[in-house]
Amino acid sequence: MNSGSSAPRSADHASSWFSSEADLIQKHAGLVEVSFNNCRSISHRLADELLSNGIHAAVMRCSGLRTDAPAADQRWLDLGAQTGWVHFVVQTNSQMVDLTRQQFFPLSDNPFLQTLNLFADEWTTIVADDFNSRIKPRLG
């Protein structure tokens, strides 16, 4: 609890008010009700909270699913070839975090955690999402 002092918090104290990466990921996984077509907003909410707690996070835009997904949500299947599918996940320092993988693979864990190398094997293209690029601070 803040004693009303405006003095900076010590590093030891900071660790007690920051949530852990695993706790925040699990919290957000529990909030997912509908996976289909919600991956971008869900990933940005998770990344925002991780960043607010001092944890590195970046939303990544993936396209061209290589892994066969015959049980994907029918709306994806109706769109056509998997090479045209787009998805959003969160990259942390240690892993790729996918809270909406069940739209492609219904039996997947939520959260679904994967190394960058394994994740890269599943998608043709992975780039940083520039969703918030229009609100970058002005310089000068």
N, C-alpha and C. Protein backbone atom coordinates (compact mmCIF):
# COMPACT_ATOMS: atom_id res chain seq x y z
N MET A 1 0.84 -1.18 0.00
CA MET A 1 0.00 0.00 0.00
C MET A 1 0.88 1.24 0.00
N ASN A 2 0.50 2.23 -0.71
CA ASN A 2 1.25 3.48 -0.79
C ASN A 2 0.97 4.28 0.47
N SER A 3 2.03 4.72 1.16
CA SER A 3 1.88 5.45 2.41
C SER A 3 1.61 6.93 2.18
N GLY A 4 1.42 7.34 0.94
CA GLY A 4 1.19 8.73 0.62
C GLY A 4 2.46 9.45 0.24
N SER A 5 3.58 8.80 0.39
CA SER A 5 4.86 9.39 0.04
C SER A 5 5.02 9.40 -1.47
N SER A 6 5.64 10.46 -1.98
CA SER A 6 5.89 10.50 -3.42
C SER A 6 7.28 9.96 -3.75
N ALA A 7 7.97 9.43 -2.75
CA ALA A 7 9.30 8.87 -2.98
C ALA A 7 9.21 7.66 -3.89
N PRO A 8 10.20 7.47 -4.76
CA PRO A 8 10.17 6.30 -5.65
C PRO A 8 10.20 5.00 -4.85
N ARG A 9 9.58 3.99 -5.40
CA ARG A 9 9.57 2.68 -4.74
C ARG A 9 10.89 1.97 -5.01
N SER A 10 11.34 1.22 -4.06
CA SER A 10 12.57 0.45 -4.24
C SER A 10 12.31 -0.71 -5.18
N ALA A 11 13.37 -1.26 -5.75
CA ALA A 11 13.24 -2.41 -6.64
C ALA A 11 12.63 -3.59 -5.91
N ASP A 12 12.99 -3.78 -4.63
CA ASP A 12 12.42 -4.88 -3.86
C ASP A 12 10.93 -4.70 -3.70
N HIS A 13 10.50 -3.48 -3.45
CA HIS A 13 9.09 -3.23 -3.29
C HIS A 13 8.36 -3.38 -4.61
N ALA A 14 8.99 -2.97 -5.70
CA ALA A 14 8.35 -3.05 -7.02
C ALA A 14 7.97 -4.48 -7.35
N SER A 15 8.82 -5.44 -7.00
CA SER A 15 8.52 -6.82 -7.34
C SER A 15 7.27 -7.31 -6.62
N SER A 16 6.89 -6.68 -5.52
CA SER A 16 5.70 -7.11 -4.81
C SER A 16 4.42 -6.57 -5.43
N TRP A 17 4.50 -5.49 -6.19
CA TRP A 17 3.28 -4.98 -6.81
C TRP A 17 3.18 -5.30 -8.29
N PHE A 18 4.25 -5.75 -8.89
CA PHE A 18 4.16 -6.24 -10.27
C PHE A 18 3.56 -7.63 -10.26
N SER A 19 2.71 -7.92 -11.20
CA SER A 19 2.22 -9.28 -11.37
C SER A 19 3.24 -10.03 -12.22
N SER A 20 3.33 -11.32 -12.03
CA SER A 20 4.28 -12.09 -12.83
C SER A 20 3.72 -12.29 -14.24
N GLU A 21 4.63 -12.55 -15.17
CA GLU A 21 4.24 -12.82 -16.55
C GLU A 21 3.24 -13.96 -16.61
N ALA A 22 3.53 -15.05 -15.90
CA ALA A 22 2.65 -16.22 -15.94
C ALA A 22 1.27 -15.88 -15.37
N ASP A 23 1.22 -15.12 -14.28
CA ASP A 23 -0.06 -14.75 -13.68
C ASP A 23 -0.90 -13.90 -14.64
N LEU A 24 -0.26 -12.95 -15.29
CA LEU A 24 -0.99 -12.07 -16.21
C LEU A 24 -1.49 -12.84 -17.43
N ILE A 25 -0.66 -13.74 -17.95
CA ILE A 25 -1.07 -14.54 -19.10
C ILE A 25 -2.26 -15.41 -18.72
N GLN A 26 -2.20 -16.05 -17.56
CA GLN A 26 -3.29 -16.91 -17.12
C GLN A 26 -4.56 -16.10 -16.90
N LYS A 27 -4.43 -14.92 -16.32
CA LYS A 27 -5.59 -14.05 -16.10
C LYS A 27 -6.29 -13.73 -17.42
N HIS A 28 -5.51 -13.34 -18.43
CA HIS A 28 -6.09 -12.98 -19.72
C HIS A 28 -6.66 -14.20 -20.45
N ALA A 29 -6.04 -15.36 -20.29
CA ALA A 29 -6.57 -16.58 -20.90
C ALA A 29 -7.96 -16.87 -20.35
N GLY A 30 -8.15 -16.62 -19.06
CA GLY A 30 -9.45 -16.85 -18.44
C GLY A 30 -10.53 -15.90 -18.89
N LEU A 31 -10.15 -14.80 -19.49
CA LEU A 31 -11.11 -13.80 -19.96
C LEU A 31 -11.62 -14.06 -21.38
N VAL A 32 -10.94 -14.96 -22.10
CA VAL A 32 -11.31 -15.22 -23.50
C VAL A 32 -12.60 -16.03 -23.55
N GLU A 33 -13.61 -15.45 -24.19
CA GLU A 33 -14.88 -16.15 -24.36
C GLU A 33 -15.06 -16.64 -25.79
N VAL A 34 -14.67 -15.81 -26.75
CA VAL A 34 -14.80 -16.15 -28.17
C VAL A 34 -13.44 -15.92 -28.83
N SER A 35 -12.89 -16.97 -29.41
CA SER A 35 -11.57 -16.86 -30.05
C SER A 35 -11.65 -16.30 -31.45
N PHE A 36 -12.65 -16.71 -32.23
CA PHE A 36 -12.70 -16.36 -33.64
C PHE A 36 -12.72 -14.85 -33.85
N ASN A 37 -11.76 -14.39 -34.65
CA ASN A 37 -11.67 -13.01 -35.09
C ASN A 37 -11.50 -12.01 -33.95
N ASN A 38 -11.00 -12.46 -32.82
CA ASN A 38 -10.74 -11.57 -31.69
C ASN A 38 -9.27 -11.56 -31.29
N CYS A 39 -8.42 -12.22 -32.07
CA CYS A 39 -7.03 -12.39 -31.67
C CYS A 39 -6.27 -11.07 -31.57
N ARG A 40 -6.57 -10.12 -32.43
CA ARG A 40 -5.82 -8.85 -32.39
C ARG A 40 -6.14 -8.07 -31.12
N SER A 41 -7.40 -7.89 -30.82
CA SER A 41 -7.77 -7.11 -29.63
C SER A 41 -7.35 -7.83 -28.35
N ILE A 42 -7.50 -9.13 -28.30
CA ILE A 42 -7.11 -9.90 -27.12
C ILE A 42 -5.60 -9.83 -26.92
N SER A 43 -4.84 -9.93 -28.00
CA SER A 43 -3.38 -9.87 -27.90
C SER A 43 -2.92 -8.48 -27.46
N HIS A 44 -3.55 -7.44 -27.97
CA HIS A 44 -3.17 -6.08 -27.56
C HIS A 44 -3.49 -5.82 -26.09
N ARG A 45 -4.61 -6.34 -25.61
CA ARG A 45 -4.92 -6.16 -24.18
C ARG A 45 -3.88 -6.85 -23.31
N LEU A 46 -3.50 -8.06 -23.67
CA LEU A 46 -2.48 -8.78 -22.91
C LEU A 46 -1.15 -8.03 -22.96
N ALA A 47 -0.72 -7.64 -24.16
CA ALA A 47 0.56 -6.94 -24.30
C ALA A 47 0.56 -5.64 -23.51
N ASP A 48 -0.54 -4.89 -23.54
CA ASP A 48 -0.62 -3.65 -22.78
C ASP A 48 -0.44 -3.88 -21.29
N GLU A 49 -1.07 -4.92 -20.77
CA GLU A 49 -0.94 -5.19 -19.33
C GLU A 49 0.46 -5.69 -18.99
N LEU A 50 1.03 -6.54 -19.83
CA LEU A 50 2.40 -6.99 -19.58
C LEU A 50 3.36 -5.80 -19.57
N LEU A 51 3.24 -4.92 -20.57
CA LEU A 51 4.11 -3.73 -20.64
C LEU A 51 3.90 -2.82 -19.43
N SER A 52 2.67 -2.68 -18.99
CA SER A 52 2.38 -1.84 -17.82
C SER A 52 3.00 -2.39 -16.55
N ASN A 53 3.31 -3.67 -16.56
CA ASN A 53 3.94 -4.31 -15.41
C ASN A 53 5.42 -4.54 -15.63
N GLY A 54 6.00 -3.85 -16.59
CA GLY A 54 7.44 -3.91 -16.81
C GLY A 54 7.93 -5.17 -17.49
N ILE A 55 7.03 -5.88 -18.17
CA ILE A 55 7.39 -7.12 -18.84
C ILE A 55 7.39 -6.88 -20.35
N HIS A 56 8.48 -7.24 -21.02
CA HIS A 56 8.57 -7.06 -22.47
C HIS A 56 7.45 -7.82 -23.16
N ALA A 57 6.77 -7.15 -24.09
CA ALA A 57 5.72 -7.80 -24.87
C ALA A 57 5.54 -7.06 -26.18
N ALA A 58 5.32 -7.80 -27.24
CA ALA A 58 5.05 -7.20 -28.55
C ALA A 58 3.99 -8.04 -29.25
N VAL A 59 3.02 -7.37 -29.86
CA VAL A 59 2.00 -8.08 -30.63
C VAL A 59 2.58 -8.36 -32.01
N MET A 60 2.44 -9.60 -32.44
CA MET A 60 2.97 -10.03 -33.72
C MET A 60 1.82 -10.43 -34.64
N ARG A 61 1.94 -10.00 -35.91
CA ARG A 61 0.96 -10.34 -36.95
C ARG A 61 1.52 -11.50 -37.75
N CYS A 62 0.77 -12.57 -37.82
CA CYS A 62 1.20 -13.79 -38.51
C CYS A 62 0.27 -14.04 -39.69
N SER A 63 0.81 -14.52 -40.77
CA SER A 63 -0.03 -14.86 -41.91
C SER A 63 0.51 -16.12 -42.57
N GLY A 64 -0.41 -16.80 -43.25
CA GLY A 64 -0.02 -18.02 -43.97
C GLY A 64 0.20 -19.21 -43.06
N LEU A 65 -0.85 -19.72 -42.45
CA LEU A 65 -0.72 -20.89 -41.56
C LEU A 65 -0.27 -22.10 -42.36
N ARG A 66 0.86 -22.68 -41.95
CA ARG A 66 1.42 -23.86 -42.64
C ARG A 66 0.90 -25.17 -42.06
N THR A 67 0.61 -25.19 -40.77
CA THR A 67 0.15 -26.41 -40.10
C THR A 67 -1.29 -26.69 -40.51
N ASP A 68 -1.56 -27.91 -40.94
CA ASP A 68 -2.91 -28.27 -41.38
C ASP A 68 -3.90 -28.10 -40.23
N ALA A 69 -5.00 -27.41 -40.50
CA ALA A 69 -6.00 -27.12 -39.46
C ALA A 69 -7.41 -27.50 -39.95
N PRO A 70 -7.67 -28.79 -40.18
CA PRO A 70 -8.97 -29.19 -40.71
C PRO A 70 -10.13 -28.98 -39.74
N ALA A 71 -9.84 -28.84 -38.45
CA ALA A 71 -10.89 -28.64 -37.45
C ALA A 71 -11.05 -27.17 -37.07
N ALA A 72 -10.45 -26.27 -37.84
CA ALA A 72 -10.56 -24.83 -37.55
C ALA A 72 -12.02 -24.40 -37.60
N ASP A 73 -12.29 -23.28 -36.95
CA ASP A 73 -13.63 -22.70 -37.00
C ASP A 73 -14.09 -22.66 -38.46
N GLN A 74 -15.31 -23.05 -38.69
CA GLN A 74 -15.84 -23.15 -40.06
C GLN A 74 -15.72 -21.84 -40.81
N ARG A 75 -15.78 -20.72 -40.11
CA ARG A 75 -15.67 -19.42 -40.78
C ARG A 75 -14.28 -19.22 -41.40
N TRP A 76 -13.24 -19.80 -40.77
CA TRP A 76 -11.90 -19.77 -41.38
C TRP A 76 -11.88 -20.66 -42.61
N LEU A 77 -12.42 -21.85 -42.48
CA LEU A 77 -12.43 -22.79 -43.60
C LEU A 77 -13.18 -22.21 -44.79
N ASP A 78 -14.25 -21.46 -44.52
CA ASP A 78 -15.03 -20.83 -45.59
C ASP A 78 -14.26 -19.73 -46.31
N LEU A 79 -13.25 -19.16 -45.64
CA LEU A 79 -12.45 -18.09 -46.26
C LEU A 79 -11.51 -18.61 -47.33
N GLY A 80 -11.22 -19.90 -47.29
CA GLY A 80 -10.34 -20.46 -48.32
C GLY A 80 -9.03 -20.96 -47.75
N ALA A 81 -8.03 -20.97 -48.59
CA ALA A 81 -6.73 -21.55 -48.25
C ALA A 81 -6.12 -20.93 -47.01
N GLN A 82 -5.49 -21.77 -46.22
CA GLN A 82 -4.82 -21.32 -45.00
C GLN A 82 -3.71 -20.31 -45.26
N THR A 83 -3.20 -20.29 -46.46
CA THR A 83 -2.13 -19.34 -46.80
C THR A 83 -2.62 -17.90 -46.69
N GLY A 84 -3.93 -17.68 -46.72
CA GLY A 84 -4.49 -16.34 -46.61
C GLY A 84 -4.95 -15.98 -45.22
N TRP A 85 -4.84 -16.89 -44.26
CA TRP A 85 -5.30 -16.62 -42.90
C TRP A 85 -4.32 -15.70 -42.18
N VAL A 86 -4.83 -14.84 -41.32
CA VAL A 86 -4.03 -13.89 -40.53
C VAL A 86 -4.36 -14.10 -39.06
N HIS A 87 -3.35 -13.96 -38.20
CA HIS A 87 -3.52 -14.21 -36.77
C HIS A 87 -2.61 -13.27 -35.99
N PHE A 88 -2.95 -13.00 -34.72
CA PHE A 88 -2.16 -12.13 -33.86
C PHE A 88 -1.88 -12.83 -32.54
N VAL A 89 -0.63 -12.71 -32.08
CA VAL A 89 -0.19 -13.31 -30.82
C VAL A 89 0.73 -12.32 -30.11
N VAL A 90 1.16 -12.68 -28.91
CA VAL A 90 2.07 -11.83 -28.14
C VAL A 90 3.41 -12.54 -28.00
N GLN A 91 4.47 -11.81 -28.29
CA GLN A 91 5.82 -12.32 -28.07
C GLN A 91 6.38 -11.68 -26.81
N THR A 92 6.85 -12.50 -25.88
CA THR A 92 7.55 -12.02 -24.71
C THR A 92 9.03 -12.36 -24.89
N ASN A 93 9.83 -12.10 -23.89
CA ASN A 93 11.24 -12.46 -24.00
C ASN A 93 11.45 -13.95 -24.17
N SER A 94 10.56 -14.74 -23.59
CA SER A 94 10.81 -16.17 -23.54
C SER A 94 9.92 -17.03 -24.42
N GLN A 95 8.83 -16.46 -24.95
CA GLN A 95 7.88 -17.33 -25.65
C GLN A 95 6.88 -16.55 -26.48
N MET A 96 6.15 -17.30 -27.29
CA MET A 96 5.00 -16.77 -28.03
C MET A 96 3.77 -17.19 -27.25
N VAL A 97 2.87 -16.25 -27.03
CA VAL A 97 1.67 -16.50 -26.24
C VAL A 97 0.46 -16.35 -27.16
N ASP A 98 -0.30 -17.42 -27.28
CA ASP A 98 -1.48 -17.42 -28.15
C ASP A 98 -2.70 -17.72 -27.29
N LEU A 99 -3.55 -16.72 -27.12
CA LEU A 99 -4.76 -16.88 -26.31
C LEU A 99 -5.98 -17.26 -27.14
N THR A 100 -5.83 -17.30 -28.46
CA THR A 100 -6.98 -17.60 -29.32
C THR A 100 -6.68 -18.71 -30.33
N ARG A 101 -5.70 -19.53 -30.02
CA ARG A 101 -5.32 -20.62 -30.93
C ARG A 101 -6.47 -21.59 -31.18
N GLN A 102 -7.41 -21.67 -30.25
CA GLN A 102 -8.51 -22.62 -30.38
C GLN A 102 -9.39 -22.34 -31.59
N GLN A 103 -9.31 -21.14 -32.18
CA GLN A 103 -10.08 -20.89 -33.40
C GLN A 103 -9.54 -21.71 -34.58
N PHE A 104 -8.28 -22.12 -34.49
CA PHE A 104 -7.66 -22.96 -35.53
C PHE A 104 -7.56 -24.41 -35.09
N PHE A 105 -7.22 -24.60 -33.82
CA PHE A 105 -6.99 -25.93 -33.24
C PHE A 105 -7.82 -26.03 -31.96
N PRO A 106 -9.08 -26.48 -32.06
CA PRO A 106 -10.00 -26.44 -30.93
C PRO A 106 -9.54 -27.17 -29.67
N LEU A 107 -8.65 -28.13 -29.79
CA LEU A 107 -8.20 -28.88 -28.62
C LEU A 107 -6.93 -28.29 -27.98
N SER A 108 -6.50 -27.14 -28.46
CA SER A 108 -5.29 -26.50 -27.91
C SER A 108 -5.51 -26.01 -26.49
N ASP A 109 -4.43 -25.97 -25.74
CA ASP A 109 -4.46 -25.36 -24.41
C ASP A 109 -4.69 -23.86 -24.55
N ASN A 110 -5.26 -23.27 -23.52
CA ASN A 110 -5.35 -21.82 -23.44
C ASN A 110 -4.93 -21.41 -22.04
N PRO A 111 -3.81 -20.74 -21.91
CA PRO A 111 -2.99 -20.18 -22.97
C PRO A 111 -2.14 -21.25 -23.66
N PHE A 112 -1.84 -21.00 -24.92
CA PHE A 112 -0.94 -21.86 -25.68
C PHE A 112 0.39 -21.14 -25.77
N LEU A 113 1.43 -21.77 -25.23
CA LEU A 113 2.77 -21.18 -25.19
C LEU A 113 3.69 -21.98 -26.08
N GLN A 114 4.54 -21.27 -26.82
CA GLN A 114 5.40 -21.94 -27.79
C GLN A 114 6.68 -21.12 -27.96
N THR A 115 7.77 -21.79 -28.27
CA THR A 115 9.01 -21.07 -28.55
C THR A 115 8.85 -20.34 -29.89
N LEU A 116 9.64 -19.31 -30.08
CA LEU A 116 9.61 -18.58 -31.34
C LEU A 116 9.95 -19.49 -32.51
N ASN A 117 10.92 -20.36 -32.35
CA ASN A 117 11.32 -21.26 -33.45
C ASN A 117 10.17 -22.18 -33.87
N LEU A 118 9.49 -22.78 -32.91
CA LEU A 118 8.37 -23.66 -33.26
C LEU A 118 7.22 -22.86 -33.86
N PHE A 119 6.99 -21.67 -33.33
CA PHE A 119 5.94 -20.83 -33.86
C PHE A 119 6.24 -20.42 -35.30
N ALA A 120 7.49 -20.08 -35.56
CA ALA A 120 7.90 -19.66 -36.90
C ALA A 120 7.74 -20.78 -37.92
N ASP A 121 7.81 -22.02 -37.46
CA ASP A 121 7.60 -23.16 -38.36
C ASP A 121 6.15 -23.25 -38.82
N GLU A 122 5.22 -22.65 -38.06
CA GLU A 122 3.79 -22.76 -38.38
C GLU A 122 3.27 -21.66 -39.30
N TRP A 123 3.98 -20.54 -39.38
CA TRP A 123 3.48 -19.39 -40.13
C TRP A 123 4.48 -18.95 -41.19
N THR A 124 3.99 -18.55 -42.34
CA THR A 124 4.85 -18.08 -43.42
C THR A 124 5.51 -16.75 -43.07
N THR A 125 4.74 -15.84 -42.49
CA THR A 125 5.24 -14.50 -42.18
C THR A 125 4.86 -14.12 -40.75
N ILE A 126 5.83 -13.55 -40.02
CA ILE A 126 5.58 -13.04 -38.67
C ILE A 126 6.24 -11.68 -38.59
N VAL A 127 5.45 -10.64 -38.36
CA VAL A 127 5.98 -9.28 -38.25
C VAL A 127 5.32 -8.58 -37.06
N ALA A 128 5.95 -7.54 -36.57
CA ALA A 128 5.37 -6.76 -35.48
C ALA A 128 4.11 -6.06 -35.99
N ASP A 129 3.07 -6.06 -35.18
CA ASP A 129 1.84 -5.37 -35.54
C ASP A 129 1.98 -3.90 -35.20
N ASP A 130 1.68 -3.04 -36.15
CA ASP A 130 1.83 -1.59 -35.92
C ASP A 130 0.50 -0.92 -35.59
N PHE A 131 -0.38 -1.65 -34.95
CA PHE A 131 -1.71 -1.19 -34.58
C PHE A 131 -1.70 0.18 -33.91
N ASN A 132 -0.76 0.40 -33.00
CA ASN A 132 -0.72 1.66 -32.25
C ASN A 132 0.27 2.66 -32.82
N SER A 133 0.75 2.45 -34.02
CA SER A 133 1.79 3.31 -34.56
C SER A 133 1.30 4.75 -34.72
N ARG A 134 0.03 4.97 -34.87
CA ARG A 134 -0.49 6.34 -35.07
C ARG A 134 -0.48 7.16 -33.79
N ILE A 135 -0.23 6.54 -32.64
CA ILE A 135 -0.22 7.30 -31.40
C ILE A 135 1.17 7.40 -30.79
N LYS A 136 2.20 7.21 -31.59
CA LYS A 136 3.55 7.39 -31.10
C LYS A 136 3.77 8.86 -30.77
N PRO A 137 4.55 9.16 -29.75
CA PRO A 137 4.78 10.57 -29.39
C PRO A 137 5.52 11.31 -30.50
N ARG A 138 5.23 12.58 -30.62
CA ARG A 138 5.92 13.43 -31.60
C ARG A 138 7.29 13.80 -31.07
N LEU A 139 8.25 13.86 -31.93
CA LEU A 139 9.59 14.28 -31.55
C LEU A 139 9.84 15.68 -32.08
N GLY A 140 10.44 16.56 -31.25
CA GLY A 140 10.81 17.89 -31.71
C GLY A 140 9.82 18.94 -31.59
